[in-house]
Amino acid sequence: MWVFGASTRAEPVPGGREQHRPCPECKRVTRFVECEVRNVYKAFFVKVGTTRQRRLACLVCVTRQSES
């Protein structure tokens, strides 16, 4: 039996970019802010890897999108 898991955390970047645009998820024109998204991967409850990316996140529904 294999036990795998992942957790994701997003934190706003101080002084990061902001954009007002339509959100494809909640269908509202809203503010997107730049966040650092960290994914931690685990196997048998032991951390095996971490990835970090910068993304823009909708403040209404917290949808994350790739920076363009």
Protein backbone atom coordinates (compact mmCIF):
# COMPACT_ATOMS: atom_id res chain seq x y z
CA MET A 1 0.00 0.00 0.00
CA TRP A 2 1.40 3.38 -1.04
CA VAL A 3 0.55 6.55 0.85
CA PHE A 4 1.11 9.75 -1.13
CA GLY A 5 0.01 13.27 -0.35
CA ALA A 6 0.44 16.89 -1.27
CA SER A 7 -0.37 20.20 0.35
CA THR A 8 -0.59 23.64 -1.26
CA ARG A 9 -0.10 27.04 0.34
CA ALA A 10 -0.46 30.45 -1.30
CA GLU A 11 0.75 33.67 0.31
CA PRO A 12 0.49 37.17 -1.18
CA VAL A 13 3.80 38.70 -2.26
CA PRO A 14 4.36 42.05 -0.49
CA GLY A 15 4.51 44.77 -3.16
CA GLY A 16 3.54 42.17 -5.82
CA ARG A 17 1.62 42.79 -9.01
CA GLU A 18 -2.12 43.46 -9.05
CA GLN A 19 -4.54 43.30 -11.97
CA HIS A 20 -8.25 43.91 -12.41
CA ARG A 21 -9.73 41.42 -14.86
CA PRO A 22 -12.55 38.89 -15.30
CA CYS A 23 -12.18 35.66 -13.35
CA PRO A 24 -12.98 32.55 -15.41
CA GLU A 25 -14.27 30.74 -12.30
CA CYS A 26 -16.55 33.23 -10.50
CA LYS A 27 -17.32 35.30 -13.68
CA ARG A 28 -16.74 38.63 -11.92
CA VAL A 29 -14.31 41.42 -12.72
CA THR A 30 -12.11 41.31 -9.65
CA ARG A 31 -8.65 42.01 -8.35
CA PHE A 32 -5.93 39.41 -8.85
CA VAL A 33 -2.84 39.66 -6.64
CA GLU A 34 0.55 38.00 -7.05
CA CYS A 35 1.06 35.05 -4.68
CA GLU A 36 3.86 32.60 -4.04
CA VAL A 37 2.38 29.12 -4.27
CA ARG A 38 4.24 26.30 -2.52
CA ASN A 39 3.43 22.62 -3.05
CA VAL A 40 4.87 20.03 -0.66
CA TYR A 41 4.84 16.38 -1.76
CA LYS A 42 4.99 13.51 0.72
CA ALA A 43 5.31 9.72 0.62
CA PHE A 44 4.59 7.77 3.79
CA PHE A 45 4.34 11.11 5.65
CA VAL A 46 7.95 12.03 4.71
CA LYS A 47 8.54 15.16 2.65
CA VAL A 48 10.03 14.16 -0.72
CA GLY A 49 9.89 17.43 -2.64
CA THR A 50 8.76 21.04 -2.79
CA THR A 51 7.89 23.33 -5.70
CA ARG A 52 7.44 27.10 -5.66
CA GLN A 53 5.75 29.26 -8.26
CA ARG A 54 4.45 32.79 -8.54
CA ARG A 55 0.81 33.02 -9.61
CA LEU A 56 -1.96 35.57 -9.76
CA ALA A 57 -4.90 34.71 -7.49
CA CYS A 58 -8.50 35.97 -7.59
CA LEU A 59 -9.38 37.51 -4.23
CA VAL A 60 -13.07 36.55 -4.54
CA CYS A 61 -12.86 32.80 -5.23
CA VAL A 62 -9.09 32.18 -4.77
CA THR A 63 -8.66 30.79 -8.30
CA ARG A 64 -4.98 30.71 -9.22
CA GLN A 65 -3.80 31.38 -12.75
CA SER A 66 -0.43 31.27 -14.43
CA GLU A 67 1.23 34.60 -14.89
CA SER A 68 0.96 35.89 -18.42
